[in-house]
PDB file of N, CA and C in Angstrom:
ATOM      1  N   MET A   1      23.868 -11.527 -13.257  1.00  0.00           N
ATOM      2  CA  MET A   1      23.728 -10.228 -13.163  1.00  0.00           C
ATOM      3  C   MET A   1      21.925 -10.173 -13.778  1.00  0.00           C
ATOM      4  N   GLN A   2      21.097  -9.300 -12.435  1.00  0.00           N
ATOM      5  CA  GLN A   2      19.571  -9.120 -13.055  1.00  0.00           C
ATOM      6  C   GLN A   2      19.306  -8.068 -13.851  1.00  0.00           C
ATOM      7  N   ASP A   3      18.376  -8.646 -14.832  1.00  0.00           N
ATOM      8  CA  ASP A   3      17.651  -8.060 -16.281  1.00  0.00           C
ATOM      9  C   ASP A   3      16.753  -6.431 -15.465  1.00  0.00           C
ATOM     10  N   GLN A   4      17.067  -5.869 -16.625  1.00  0.00           N
ATOM     11  CA  GLN A   4      16.717  -4.773 -16.160  1.00  0.00           C
ATOM     12  C   GLN A   4      15.186  -5.016 -16.046  1.00  0.00           C
ATOM     13  N   GLU A   5      14.566  -5.331 -16.424  1.00  0.00           N
ATOM     14  CA  GLU A   5      12.946  -5.851 -15.976  1.00  0.00           C
ATOM     15  C   GLU A   5      12.842  -5.790 -14.332  1.00  0.00           C
ATOM     16  N   GLN A   6      13.771  -6.594 -13.967  1.00  0.00           N
ATOM     17  CA  GLN A   6      13.714  -7.219 -12.509  1.00  0.00           C
ATOM     18  C   GLN A   6      13.879  -5.897 -11.539  1.00  0.00           C
ATOM     19  N   LEU A   7      15.373  -5.569 -11.841  1.00  0.00           N
ATOM     20  CA  LEU A   7      15.742  -4.169 -11.088  1.00  0.00           C
ATOM     21  C   LEU A   7      14.669  -3.147 -11.292  1.00  0.00           C
ATOM     22  N   GLU A   8      13.759  -2.948 -12.327  1.00  0.00           N
ATOM     23  CA  GLU A   8      12.941  -1.865 -12.392  1.00  0.00           C
ATOM     24  C   GLU A   8      11.493  -2.216 -11.495  1.00  0.00           C
ATOM     25  N   GLU A   9      11.524  -3.739 -11.292  1.00  0.00           N
ATOM     26  CA  GLU A   9      10.239  -4.057 -10.441  1.00  0.00           C
ATOM     27  C   GLU A   9      10.532  -4.038  -9.058  1.00  0.00           C
ATOM     28  N   GLU A  10      11.978  -4.499  -8.659  1.00  0.00           N
ATOM     29  CA  GLU A  10      12.687  -4.196  -7.963  1.00  0.00           C
ATOM     30  C   GLU A  10      12.253  -2.132  -6.941  1.00  0.00           C
ATOM     31  N   PHE A  11      13.095  -1.770  -7.664  1.00  0.00           N
ATOM     32  CA  PHE A  11      12.810  -0.009  -7.758  1.00  0.00           C
ATOM     33  C   PHE A  11      11.226   0.348  -7.010  1.00  0.00           C
ATOM     34  N   ALA A  12      10.500  -0.226  -7.805  1.00  0.00           N
ATOM     35  CA  ALA A  12       9.070   0.150  -7.980  1.00  0.00           C
ATOM     36  C   ALA A  12       8.268  -0.701  -6.768  1.00  0.00           C
ATOM     37  N   ARG A  13       9.120  -1.378  -6.484  1.00  0.00           N
ATOM     38  CA  ARG A  13       8.282  -2.104  -5.002  1.00  0.00           C
ATOM     39  C   ARG A  13       9.191  -1.243  -3.763  1.00  0.00           C
ATOM     40  N   ARG A  14      10.163  -0.859  -3.936  1.00  0.00           N
ATOM     41  CA  ARG A  14      10.806  -0.148  -2.642  1.00  0.00           C
ATOM     42  C   ARG A  14      10.096   1.003  -2.376  1.00  0.00           C
ATOM     43  N   LYS A  15       9.970   1.871  -3.932  1.00  0.00           N
ATOM     44  CA  LYS A  15       9.110   3.360  -4.132  1.00  0.00           C
ATOM     45  C   LYS A  15       7.819   3.384  -3.286  1.00  0.00           C
ATOM     46  N   LEU A  16       6.871   1.938  -3.578  1.00  0.00           N
ATOM     47  CA  LEU A  16       5.615   2.050  -2.971  1.00  0.00           C
ATOM     48  C   LEU A  16       5.736   2.052  -1.617  1.00  0.00           C
ATOM     49  N   VAL A  17       6.775   0.694  -1.055  1.00  0.00           N
ATOM     50  CA  VAL A  17       6.834   0.869   0.356  1.00  0.00           C
ATOM     51  C   VAL A  17       7.042   1.865   1.410  1.00  0.00           C
ATOM     52  N   GLU A  18       8.110   2.575   0.644  1.00  0.00           N
ATOM     53  CA  GLU A  18       9.026   3.729   0.886  1.00  0.00           C
ATOM     54  C   GLU A  18       7.013   4.730   1.132  1.00  0.00           C
ATOM     55  N   ALA A  19       6.839   4.891   0.238  1.00  0.00           N
ATOM     56  CA  ALA A  19       5.048   5.868   0.201  1.00  0.00           C
ATOM     57  C   ALA A  19       4.354   5.844   1.307  1.00  0.00           C
ATOM     58  N   VAL A  20       4.366   4.450   1.225  1.00  0.00           N
ATOM     59  CA  VAL A  20       3.226   3.703   2.618  1.00  0.00           C
ATOM     60  C   VAL A  20       3.975   4.196   3.751  1.00  0.00           C
ATOM     61  N   GLU A  21       5.282   3.749   3.696  1.00  0.00           N
ATOM     62  CA  GLU A  21       5.811   4.369   5.420  1.00  0.00           C
ATOM     63  C   GLU A  21       5.681   5.533   5.482  1.00  0.00           C
ATOM     64  N   ASN A  22       5.849   6.517   4.067  1.00  0.00           N
ATOM     65  CA  ASN A  22       5.866   7.839   4.825  1.00  0.00           C
ATOM     66  C   ASN A  22       4.329   8.410   4.849  1.00  0.00           C
ATOM     67  N   GLN A  23       3.531   7.737   4.018  1.00  0.00           N
ATOM     68  CA  GLN A  23       1.847   8.123   4.661  1.00  0.00           C
ATOM     69  C   GLN A  23       1.756   7.326   6.221  1.00  0.00           C
ATOM     70  N   ILE A  24       1.808   6.231   6.531  1.00  0.00           N
ATOM     71  CA  ILE A  24       2.322   6.107   8.108  1.00  0.00           C
ATOM     72  C   ILE A  24       2.773   7.121   8.993  1.00  0.00           C
ATOM     73  N   ALA A  25       4.036   7.733   8.640  1.00  0.00           N
ATOM     74  CA  ALA A  25       5.282   8.753   9.315  1.00  0.00           C
ATOM     75  C   ALA A  25       4.223  10.082   9.588  1.00  0.00           C
ATOM     76  N   ASP A  26       3.688  10.191   8.290  1.00  0.00           N
ATOM     77  CA  ASP A  26       2.836  11.858   7.877  1.00  0.00           C
ATOM     78  C   ASP A  26       1.251  11.346   9.026  1.00  0.00           C
ATOM     79  N   GLY A  27       0.840  10.477   9.381  1.00  0.00           N
ATOM     80  CA  GLY A  27      -0.259  10.442   9.528  1.00  0.00           C
ATOM     81  C   GLY A  27      -1.688  10.297   8.521  1.00  0.00           C
ATOM     82  N   HIS A  28      -1.239  10.579   7.120  1.00  0.00           N
ATOM     83  CA  HIS A  28      -2.184  10.900   6.281  1.00  0.00           C
ATOM     84  C   HIS A  28      -1.946   9.999   4.927  1.00  0.00           C
ATOM     85  N   PRO A  29      -2.953   9.117   4.825  1.00  0.00           N
ATOM     86  CA  PRO A  29      -4.316   8.980   5.070  1.00  0.00           C
ATOM     87  C   PRO A  29      -3.946   8.654   6.581  1.00  0.00           C
ATOM     88  N   ARG A  30      -4.878   8.618   7.946  1.00  0.00           N
ATOM     89  CA  ARG A  30      -4.483   7.999   9.212  1.00  0.00           C
ATOM     90  C   ARG A  30      -4.909   6.956   8.862  1.00  0.00           C
ATOM     91  N   GLU A  31      -5.848   6.210   7.524  1.00  0.00           N
ATOM     92  CA  GLU A  31      -6.008   4.988   7.720  1.00  0.00           C
ATOM     93  C   GLU A  31      -4.347   4.373   7.529  1.00  0.00           C
ATOM     94  N   ALA A  32      -3.513   4.315   7.070  1.00  0.00           N
ATOM     95  CA  ALA A  32      -2.640   3.945   7.180  1.00  0.00           C
ATOM     96  C   ALA A  32      -2.187   3.256   7.957  1.00  0.00           C
ATOM     97  N   GLY A  33      -2.140   3.985   9.008  1.00  0.00           N
ATOM     98  CA  GLY A  33      -1.162   3.709  10.406  1.00  0.00           C
ATOM     99  C   GLY A  33      -1.935   3.019  10.863  1.00  0.00           C
ATOM    100  N   LEU A  34      -3.155   3.040  10.953  1.00  0.00           N
ATOM    101  CA  LEU A  34      -4.588   2.496  11.627  1.00  0.00           C
ATOM    102  C   LEU A  34      -4.230   0.726  11.347  1.00  0.00           C
ATOM    103  N   VAL A  35      -4.175   0.541   9.407  1.00  0.00           N
ATOM    104  CA  VAL A  35      -3.989  -0.649   9.232  1.00  0.00           C
ATOM    105  C   VAL A  35      -3.036  -1.281   9.308  1.00  0.00           C
ATOM    106  N   LEU A  36      -1.542  -0.761   9.696  1.00  0.00           N
ATOM    107  CA  LEU A  36      -0.601  -0.800   9.955  1.00  0.00           C
ATOM    108  C   LEU A  36      -0.438  -1.615  11.549  1.00  0.00           C
ATOM    109  N   MET A  37      -1.123  -1.329  12.250  1.00  0.00           N
ATOM    110  CA  MET A  37      -1.126  -1.338  13.542  1.00  0.00           C
ATOM    111  C   MET A  37      -2.150  -3.057  13.985  1.00  0.00           C
ATOM    112  N   ALA A  38      -3.186  -2.606  12.772  1.00  0.00           N
ATOM    113  CA  ALA A  38      -4.315  -3.566  13.334  1.00  0.00           C
ATOM    114  C   ALA A  38      -3.754  -5.146  12.616  1.00  0.00           C
ATOM    115  N   LEU A  39      -2.963  -4.872  11.594  1.00  0.00           N
ATOM    116  CA  LEU A  39      -2.474  -6.384  10.430  1.00  0.00           C
ATOM    117  C   LEU A  39      -1.417  -6.600  11.738  1.00  0.00           C
ATOM    118  N   LEU A  40      -0.152  -5.999  11.972  1.00  0.00           N
ATOM    119  CA  LEU A  40       1.004  -6.213  13.405  1.00  0.00           C
ATOM    120  C   LEU A  40       0.025  -7.159  13.894  1.00  0.00           C
ATOM    121  N   SER A  41      -1.063  -6.751  14.562  1.00  0.00           N
ATOM    122  CA  SER A  41      -1.566  -6.853  16.172  1.00  0.00           C
ATOM    123  C   SER A  41      -2.103  -8.470  15.714  1.00  0.00           C
ATOM    124  N   LYS A  42      -2.236  -8.730  14.323  1.00  0.00           N
ATOM    125  CA  LYS A  42      -2.884 -10.158  14.101  1.00  0.00           C
ATOM    126  C   LYS A  42      -1.739 -11.028  13.910  1.00  0.00           C
ATOM    127  N   GLY A  43      -0.352 -10.430  13.669  1.00  0.00           N
ATOM    128  CA  GLY A  43       0.481 -11.615  14.088  1.00  0.00           C
ATOM    129  C   GLY A  43       1.307 -11.688  12.853  1.00  0.00           C
ATOM    130  N   LEU A  44       0.982 -10.464  11.878  1.00  0.00           N
ATOM    131  CA  LEU A  44       1.602 -10.601  10.671  1.00  0.00           C
ATOM    132  C   LEU A  44       2.962  -9.572  10.645  1.00  0.00           C
ATOM    133  N   GLU A  45       3.961 -10.033   9.582  1.00  0.00           N
ATOM    134  CA  GLU A  45       5.046  -9.328   9.646  1.00  0.00           C
ATOM    135  C   GLU A  45       4.979  -8.285   8.828  1.00  0.00           C
ATOM    136  N   ARG A  46       5.924  -7.606   9.622  1.00  0.00           N
ATOM    137  CA  ARG A  46       5.990  -5.722   9.034  1.00  0.00           C
ATOM    138  C   ARG A  46       6.017  -5.604   7.724  1.00  0.00           C
ATOM    139  N   ASP A  47       7.003  -6.625   6.541  1.00  0.00           N
ATOM    140  CA  ASP A  47       7.406  -6.157   5.187  1.00  0.00           C
ATOM    141  C   ASP A  47       6.096  -6.789   4.600  1.00  0.00           C
ATOM    142  N   ASP A  48       5.588  -7.525   5.131  1.00  0.00           N
ATOM    143  CA  ASP A  48       4.560  -8.518   4.421  1.00  0.00           C
ATOM    144  C   ASP A  48       3.166  -7.271   4.215  1.00  0.00           C
ATOM    145  N   VAL A  49       2.908  -6.836   5.887  1.00  0.00           N
ATOM    146  CA  VAL A  49       1.727  -6.033   5.696  1.00  0.00           C
ATOM    147  C   VAL A  49       2.506  -4.688   4.881  1.00  0.00           C
ATOM    148  N   LEU A  50       3.269  -4.037   4.814  1.00  0.00           N
ATOM    149  CA  LEU A  50       3.596  -3.000   3.899  1.00  0.00           C
ATOM    150  C   LEU A  50       3.938  -3.129   2.411  1.00  0.00           C
ATOM    151  N   TRP A  51       3.773  -4.699   2.094  1.00  0.00           N
ATOM    152  CA  TRP A  51       3.535  -5.029   0.596  1.00  0.00           C
ATOM    153  C   TRP A  51       2.415  -4.882   0.160  1.00  0.00           C
ATOM    154  N   ALA A  52       1.418  -5.277   1.063  1.00  0.00           N
ATOM    155  CA  ALA A  52      -0.097  -5.214   0.844  1.00  0.00           C
ATOM    156  C   ALA A  52      -0.453  -3.927   0.699  1.00  0.00           C
ATOM    157  N   MET A  53      -0.019  -3.070   1.794  1.00  0.00           N
ATOM    158  CA  MET A  53      -0.445  -1.977   1.142  1.00  0.00           C
ATOM    159  C   MET A  53       0.104  -0.987   0.136  1.00  0.00           C
ATOM    160  N   ALA A  54       1.398  -1.253  -0.181  1.00  0.00           N
ATOM    161  CA  ALA A  54       1.766  -0.901  -1.446  1.00  0.00           C
ATOM    162  C   ALA A  54       0.892  -1.090  -2.351  1.00  0.00           C
ATOM    163  N   GLN A  55       0.513  -2.512  -2.542  1.00  0.00           N
ATOM    164  CA  GLN A  55      -0.261  -3.303  -3.595  1.00  0.00           C
ATOM    165  C   GLN A  55      -1.213  -2.593  -3.929  1.00  0.00           C
ATOM    166  N   VAL A  56      -2.209  -1.997  -2.537  1.00  0.00           N
ATOM    167  CA  VAL A  56      -3.219  -1.204  -2.484  1.00  0.00           C
ATOM    168  C   VAL A  56      -3.128   0.359  -3.222  1.00  0.00           C
ATOM    169  N   LEU A  57      -1.916   0.792  -2.850  1.00  0.00           N
ATOM    170  CA  LEU A  57      -1.418   1.971  -3.589  1.00  0.00           C
ATOM    171  C   LEU A  57      -1.047   2.063  -4.756  1.00  0.00           C
ATOM    172  N   ALA A  58      -0.746   1.135  -5.188  1.00  0.00           N
ATOM    173  CA  ALA A  58      -0.470   0.800  -6.837  1.00  0.00           C
ATOM    174  C   ALA A  58      -1.376   0.477  -7.578  1.00  0.00           C
ATOM    175  N   GLU A  59      -2.875   0.031  -7.194  1.00  0.00           N
ATOM    176  CA  GLU A  59      -3.565   0.135  -7.819  1.00  0.00           C
ATOM    177  C   GLU A  59      -4.422   1.087  -7.937  1.00  0.00           C
ATOM    178  N   HIS A  60      -4.206   1.710  -7.283  1.00  0.00           N
ATOM    179  CA  HIS A  60      -5.493   3.108  -7.100  1.00  0.00           C
ATOM    180  C   HIS A  60      -4.276   3.939  -7.907  1.00  0.00           C
ATOM    181  N   ILE A  61      -3.133   3.923  -8.157  1.00  0.00           N
ATOM    182  CA  ILE A  61      -2.247   4.866  -9.060  1.00  0.00           C
ATOM    183  C   ILE A  61      -2.888   4.562 -10.395  1.00  0.00           C
ATOM    184  N   SER A  62      -3.120   3.217 -10.086  1.00  0.00           N
ATOM    185  CA  SER A  62      -2.911   2.782 -11.750  1.00  0.00           C
ATOM    186  C   SER A  62      -4.560   3.145 -12.445  1.00  0.00           C
ATOM    187  N   GLN A  63      -5.384   3.149 -11.239  1.00  0.00           N
ATOM    188  CA  GLN A  63      -6.509   3.974 -11.907  1.00  0.00           C
ATOM    189  C   GLN A  63      -6.956   4.992 -12.365  1.00  0.00           C
ATOM    190  N   ALA A  64      -6.057   5.794 -11.706  1.00  0.00           N
ATOM    191  CA  ALA A  64      -6.100   7.217 -11.628  1.00  0.00           C
ATOM    192  C   ALA A  64      -5.432   7.535 -12.527  1.00  0.00           C
ATOM    193  N   MET A  65      -4.619   7.028 -13.558  1.00  0.00           N
ATOM    194  CA  MET A  65      -3.601   6.979 -14.738  1.00  0.00           C
ATOM    195  C   MET A  65      -4.374   6.965 -15.538  1.00  0.00           C
ATOM    196  N   ALA A  66      -5.044   5.620 -15.700  1.00  0.00           N
ATOM    197  CA  ALA A  66      -5.899   5.182 -16.952  1.00  0.00           C
ATOM    198  C   ALA A  66      -7.006   6.102 -16.695  1.00  0.00           C
ATOM    199  N   SER A  67      -7.663   6.202 -15.450  1.00  0.00           N
ATOM    200  CA  SER A  67      -8.911   6.984 -15.863  1.00  0.00           C
ATOM    201  C   SER A  67      -8.799   8.536 -16.497  1.00  0.00           C
ATOM    202  N   ASP A  68      -7.355   9.118 -15.847  1.00  0.00           N
ATOM    203  CA  ASP A  68      -7.565  10.138 -16.058  1.00  0.00           C
ATOM    204  C   ASP A  68      -7.865  11.151 -15.403  1.00  0.00           C
ATOM    205  N   GLN A  69      -8.158  10.626 -14.145  1.00  0.00           N
ATOM    206  CA  GLN A  69      -8.725  11.384 -13.005  1.00  0.00           C
ATOM    207  C   GLN A  69      -7.866  11.724 -12.058  1.00  0.00           C
ATOM    208  N   PRO A  70      -8.562  12.260 -10.499  1.00  0.00           N
ATOM    209  CA  PRO A  70      -7.670  12.234  -9.373  1.00  0.00           C
ATOM    210  C   PRO A  70      -7.554  11.392  -8.777  1.00  0.00           C
ATOM    211  N   PHE A  71      -6.404  11.042  -7.967  1.00  0.00           N
ATOM    212  CA  PHE A  71      -6.378   9.961  -6.843  1.00  0.00           C
ATOM    213  C   PHE A  71      -7.281   9.914  -5.965  1.00  0.00           C
ATOM    214  N   ASP A  72      -7.884   8.925  -5.947  1.00  0.00           N
ATOM    215  CA  ASP A  72      -9.012   8.955  -5.262  1.00  0.00           C
ATOM    216  C   ASP A  72      -8.406   8.229  -3.974  1.00  0.00           C
ATOM    217  N   LEU A  73      -8.346   9.295  -2.735  1.00  0.00           N
ATOM    218  CA  LEU A  73      -7.861   8.860  -1.408  1.00  0.00           C
ATOM    219  C   LEU A  73      -9.082   8.271  -1.022  1.00  0.00           C
ATOM    220  N   ASN A  74     -10.367   8.674  -0.729  1.00  0.00           N
ATOM    221  CA  ASN A  74     -11.308   8.021   0.062  1.00  0.00           C
ATOM    222  C   ASN A  74     -11.586   6.790  -0.457  1.00  0.00           C
ATOM    223  N   GLY A  75     -11.718   6.398  -1.468  1.00  0.00           N
ATOM    224  CA  GLY A  75     -11.444   4.910  -2.340  1.00  0.00           C
ATOM    225  C   GLY A  75     -10.090   4.268  -1.730  1.00  0.00           C
ATOM    226  N   TYR A  76      -9.285   4.632  -1.800  1.00  0.00           N
ATOM    227  CA  TYR A  76      -7.956   4.408  -0.834  1.00  0.00           C
ATOM    228  C   TYR A  76      -7.912   4.074  -0.067  1.00  0.00           C
ATOM    229  N   ALA A  77      -8.149   4.819   0.963  1.00  0.00           N
ATOM    230  CA  ALA A  77      -8.332   4.524   2.328  1.00  0.00           C
ATOM    231  C   ALA A  77      -9.371   3.584   2.553  1.00  0.00           C
ATOM    232  N   ARG A  78     -10.281   3.393   1.564  1.00  0.00           N
ATOM    233  CA  ARG A  78     -11.609   2.464   2.187  1.00  0.00           C
ATOM    234  C   ARG A  78     -11.045   0.655   1.462  1.00  0.00           C
ATOM    235  N   ASP A  79      -9.915   0.953   0.712  1.00  0.00           N
ATOM    236  CA  ASP A  79      -9.548  -0.319   0.127  1.00  0.00           C
ATOM    237  C   ASP A  79      -8.431  -0.800   1.491  1.00  0.00           C
ATOM    238  N   LEU A  80      -7.693   0.123   2.023  1.00  0.00           N
ATOM    239  CA  LEU A  80      -6.616   0.061   3.130  1.00  0.00           C
ATOM    240  C   LEU A  80      -7.235  -0.826   4.654  1.00  0.00           C
ATOM    241  N   LEU A  81      -8.580  -0.320   4.403  1.00  0.00           N
ATOM    242  CA  LEU A  81      -9.413  -0.620   5.399  1.00  0.00           C
ATOM    243  C   LEU A  81      -9.789  -2.381   5.167  1.00  0.00           C
ATOM    244  N   ALA A  82     -10.173  -2.765   4.092  1.00  0.00           N
ATOM    245  CA  ALA A  82     -10.495  -3.813   3.580  1.00  0.00           C
ATOM    246  C   ALA A  82      -9.383  -4.584   4.016  1.00  0.00           C
ATOM    247  N   LEU A  83      -8.245  -4.151   4.098  1.00  0.00           N
ATOM    248  CA  LEU A  83      -6.799  -5.462   4.520  1.00  0.00           C
ATOM    249  C   LEU A  83      -7.252  -5.804   5.630  1.00  0.00           C
ATOM    250  N   THR A  84      -7.882  -5.361   6.585  1.00  0.00           N
ATOM    251  CA  THR A  84      -7.663  -5.893   7.800  1.00  0.00           C
ATOM    252  C   THR A  84      -9.166  -6.878   8.264  1.00  0.00           C
ATOM    253  N   THR A  85      -9.735  -6.743   6.876  1.00  0.00           N
ATOM    254  CA  THR A  85     -10.809  -7.840   7.111  1.00  0.00           C
ATOM    255  C   THR A  85     -10.591  -8.992   6.390  1.00  0.00           C
ATOM    256  N   GLU A  86      -9.599  -9.163   5.422  1.00  0.00           N
ATOM    257  CA  GLU A  86      -9.459 -10.113   4.301  1.00  0.00           C
ATOM    258  C   GLU A  86      -9.700 -11.611   5.026  1.00  0.00           C
ATOM    259  N   ASP A  87      -8.906 -11.845   5.701  1.00  0.00           N
ATOM    260  CA  ASP A  87      -8.477 -13.041   6.865  1.00  0.00           C
ATOM    261  C   ASP A  87     -10.064 -13.314   7.756  1.00  0.00           C
ATOM    262  N   ASP A  88     -10.801 -12.468   7.618  1.00  0.00           N
ATOM    263  CA  ASP A  88     -11.589 -12.703   8.983  1.00  0.00           C
ATOM    264  C   ASP A  88     -13.106 -13.322   8.396  1.00  0.00           C
ATOM    265  N   ASP A  89     -13.344 -13.110   7.135  1.00  0.00           N
ATOM    266  CA  ASP A  89     -13.973 -13.991   6.327  1.00  0.00           C
ATOM    267  C   ASP A  89     -14.531 -15.114   6.338  1.00  0.00           C
TER     268      ASP A  89
END
């Protein structure tokens, strides 16, 4: 049987990926869909791309909570776009 911590991590992962998928479907931020298409066109697997994007979302949620500031949508969009250039260096 899986321990509680592992179950919680899997739940969080699923919800973060679901949030990214909703952003893509809603077109907000528009960068989410652009990044998905760009990374898929580089041959990356969809699940890997969604997880990378979800990690960016998680970091921005964490920053907003830690600083007691509103979610920085512009910073989030910028960091999503940065995913498309990581392998180009």
